[in-house]
Amino acid sequence: MFKKIIKLKLTKTCHLTCHARINGIKAILLIDTGASNSCIALDQKETYNIKEKGDPFEAAGAGKDKVKAVLGHRCKLILGRHKVKKHSFVLLDMQHINATLVRENTAPINGILGADFLKKNRALIDYKNKTLTL
C-alpha cells in the first residue's frame, strides 16, 4: 500500500491543522492525538450533510464540563489522496474551542481528527516537516 502524505499547517497557537473534505465539502480539521474520537461542530451538521445515529450522550471535553453529543455516521472523508468511505464523527458543540482560537488570532476549525482515525490509519506525524503520513 502506498503512503499518503498530507500537508499540515502549524497555527499561531501551535496546533496542527489539515484541509479535508467531508461529504464533498471543504473543512479544516485540528489534529488532536489526545481526542479519542474525531468530531465535527454540531452547528455544522447540515453543512456537511451528516446523518445522526443513536441517541444523544454526554461526552468529556477539554474542559471540566460534560457536553451533549451525538454520533454522526457514514461520512465520506478525504484528506489529500486518502479517502475513507465511511468515517464516524462525534457531533458536539465546539463554540468554546473556536472562541479560544479566534481570541488567539487563529482561524476557527470545523472539526477534530482524533485518535480513532489516526490509529486506524497508522498515522505518523512529522512536526518538523509539518506532514501527516498515512
Protein backbone atom coordinates (compact mmCIF):
# COMPACT_ATOMS: atom_id res chain seq x y z
CA MET A 1 0.00 0.00 0.00
CA PHE A 2 1.25 3.45 -0.88
CA LYS A 3 1.96 6.00 1.81
CA LYS A 4 -0.11 9.13 1.56
CA ILE A 5 1.37 12.38 2.80
CA ILE A 6 -0.93 15.15 3.97
CA LYS A 7 0.42 18.67 4.43
CA LEU A 8 -0.29 20.21 7.81
CA LYS A 9 -0.35 23.80 8.97
CA LEU A 10 1.00 24.97 12.32
CA THR A 11 -1.30 27.64 13.76
CA LYS A 12 -0.29 30.59 15.94
CA THR A 13 -1.49 28.53 18.91
CA CYS A 14 0.91 25.70 17.92
CA HIS A 15 -1.90 23.38 16.85
CA LEU A 16 -1.61 21.30 13.69
CA THR A 17 -4.47 21.52 11.20
CA CYS A 18 -5.19 20.00 7.82
CA HIS A 19 -7.55 20.61 4.94
CA ALA A 20 -10.12 17.91 4.32
CA ARG A 21 -13.38 17.24 2.56
CA ILE A 22 -16.32 15.81 4.44
CA ASN A 23 -19.10 14.57 2.19
CA GLY A 24 -17.57 16.73 -0.57
CA ILE A 25 -17.45 19.97 1.47
CA LYS A 26 -14.16 21.65 2.45
CA ALA A 27 -13.23 21.54 6.13
CA ILE A 28 -10.36 22.49 8.41
CA LEU A 29 -9.60 19.81 10.99
CA LEU A 30 -7.38 20.13 14.03
CA ILE A 31 -5.10 17.12 14.55
CA ASP A 32 -5.58 16.01 18.15
CA THR A 33 -3.86 12.84 19.36
CA GLY A 34 -5.48 13.36 22.77
CA ALA A 35 -9.03 13.29 21.40
CA SER A 36 -10.28 9.73 21.45
CA ASN A 37 -12.79 10.43 18.66
CA SER A 38 -12.94 12.60 15.59
CA CYS A 39 -15.50 15.39 15.97
CA ILE A 40 -17.44 17.89 13.91
CA ALA A 41 -19.10 21.01 15.24
CA LEU A 42 -22.76 20.22 15.89
CA ASP A 43 -23.88 23.51 14.33
CA GLN A 44 -22.28 22.39 11.03
CA LYS A 45 -24.15 19.08 10.78
CA GLU A 46 -26.31 20.34 7.91
CA THR A 47 -23.37 21.98 6.12
CA TYR A 48 -21.64 18.61 5.88
CA ASN A 49 -24.86 16.61 5.42
CA ILE A 50 -24.09 14.37 8.40
CA LYS A 51 -26.71 11.86 9.49
CA GLU A 52 -27.14 11.16 13.20
CA LYS A 53 -27.06 7.65 14.59
CA GLY A 54 -28.37 6.73 18.03
CA ASP A 55 -29.38 8.85 20.98
CA PRO A 56 -27.55 11.91 22.33
CA PHE A 57 -24.99 11.22 25.07
CA GLU A 58 -22.65 13.15 27.34
CA ALA A 59 -19.05 13.46 26.17
CA ALA A 60 -15.99 14.64 28.04
CA GLY A 61 -14.12 17.53 26.50
CA ALA A 62 -11.03 19.55 27.26
CA GLY A 63 -12.95 21.50 29.91
CA LYS A 64 -14.36 20.27 33.19
CA ASP A 65 -17.96 20.13 31.98
CA LYS A 66 -19.64 17.36 30.03
CA VAL A 67 -21.07 18.32 26.64
CA LYS A 68 -24.05 16.92 24.78
CA ALA A 69 -23.02 14.90 21.75
CA VAL A 70 -24.48 12.58 19.14
CA LEU A 71 -22.82 10.19 16.71
CA GLY A 72 -22.71 11.12 13.03
CA HIS A 73 -22.03 8.20 10.74
CA ARG A 74 -21.28 7.16 7.16
CA CYS A 75 -19.31 10.27 6.31
CA LYS A 76 -17.06 10.34 3.29
CA LEU A 77 -13.73 11.80 4.43
CA ILE A 78 -10.96 12.87 2.07
CA LEU A 79 -7.51 14.04 3.19
CA GLY A 80 -5.31 14.76 0.19
CA ARG A 81 -5.40 11.50 -1.78
CA HIS A 82 -6.53 9.44 1.21
CA LYS A 83 -10.21 8.52 1.03
CA VAL A 84 -12.35 6.94 3.72
CA LYS A 85 -15.84 5.97 2.58
CA LYS A 86 -17.45 5.50 6.00
CA HIS A 87 -16.00 7.51 8.86
CA SER A 88 -17.93 8.38 12.01
CA PHE A 89 -17.69 11.73 13.76
CA VAL A 90 -18.98 12.77 17.16
CA LEU A 91 -21.14 15.86 16.71
CA LEU A 92 -20.70 18.29 19.58
CA ASP A 93 -20.72 21.96 20.48
CA MET A 94 -17.30 23.36 19.58
CA GLN A 95 -18.09 27.05 20.12
CA HIS A 96 -15.79 27.27 23.16
CA ILE A 97 -12.88 25.82 21.15
CA ASN A 98 -13.39 28.21 18.24
CA ALA A 99 -13.88 31.18 20.57
CA THR A 100 -10.48 30.43 22.12
CA LEU A 101 -8.81 30.07 18.71
CA VAL A 102 -10.30 33.35 17.47
CA ARG A 103 -9.16 35.15 20.66
CA GLU A 104 -5.65 33.94 19.85
CA ASN A 105 -5.89 35.25 16.25
CA THR A 106 -6.18 31.76 14.79
CA ALA A 107 -8.81 30.71 12.26
CA PRO A 108 -11.71 28.63 13.61
CA ILE A 109 -11.90 24.92 12.82
CA ASN A 110 -14.74 22.75 11.56
CA GLY A 111 -13.73 19.66 13.47
CA ILE A 112 -11.10 17.48 15.06
CA LEU A 113 -9.26 14.50 13.62
CA GLY A 114 -8.85 12.26 16.66
CA ALA A 115 -7.06 9.11 17.75
CA ASP A 116 -9.76 6.87 16.25
CA PHE A 117 -8.75 7.95 12.74
CA LEU A 118 -5.04 8.33 13.48
CA LYS A 119 -4.71 4.84 14.97
CA LYS A 120 -6.82 3.07 12.36
CA ASN A 121 -4.83 4.66 9.53
CA ARG A 122 -1.45 4.16 11.26
CA ALA A 123 -0.73 7.87 11.08
CA LEU A 124 2.73 9.32 11.61
CA ILE A 125 3.01 12.99 12.47
CA ASP A 126 6.21 14.74 11.39
CA TYR A 127 6.28 18.00 13.32
CA LYS A 128 9.48 19.24 11.68
CA ASN A 129 8.16 18.90 8.12
CA LYS A 130 4.52 19.50 9.11
CA THR A 131 3.18 16.36 7.45
CA LEU A 132 0.82 13.54 8.34
CA THR A 133 1.73 10.22 6.71
CA LEU A 134 -0.99 7.59 6.37
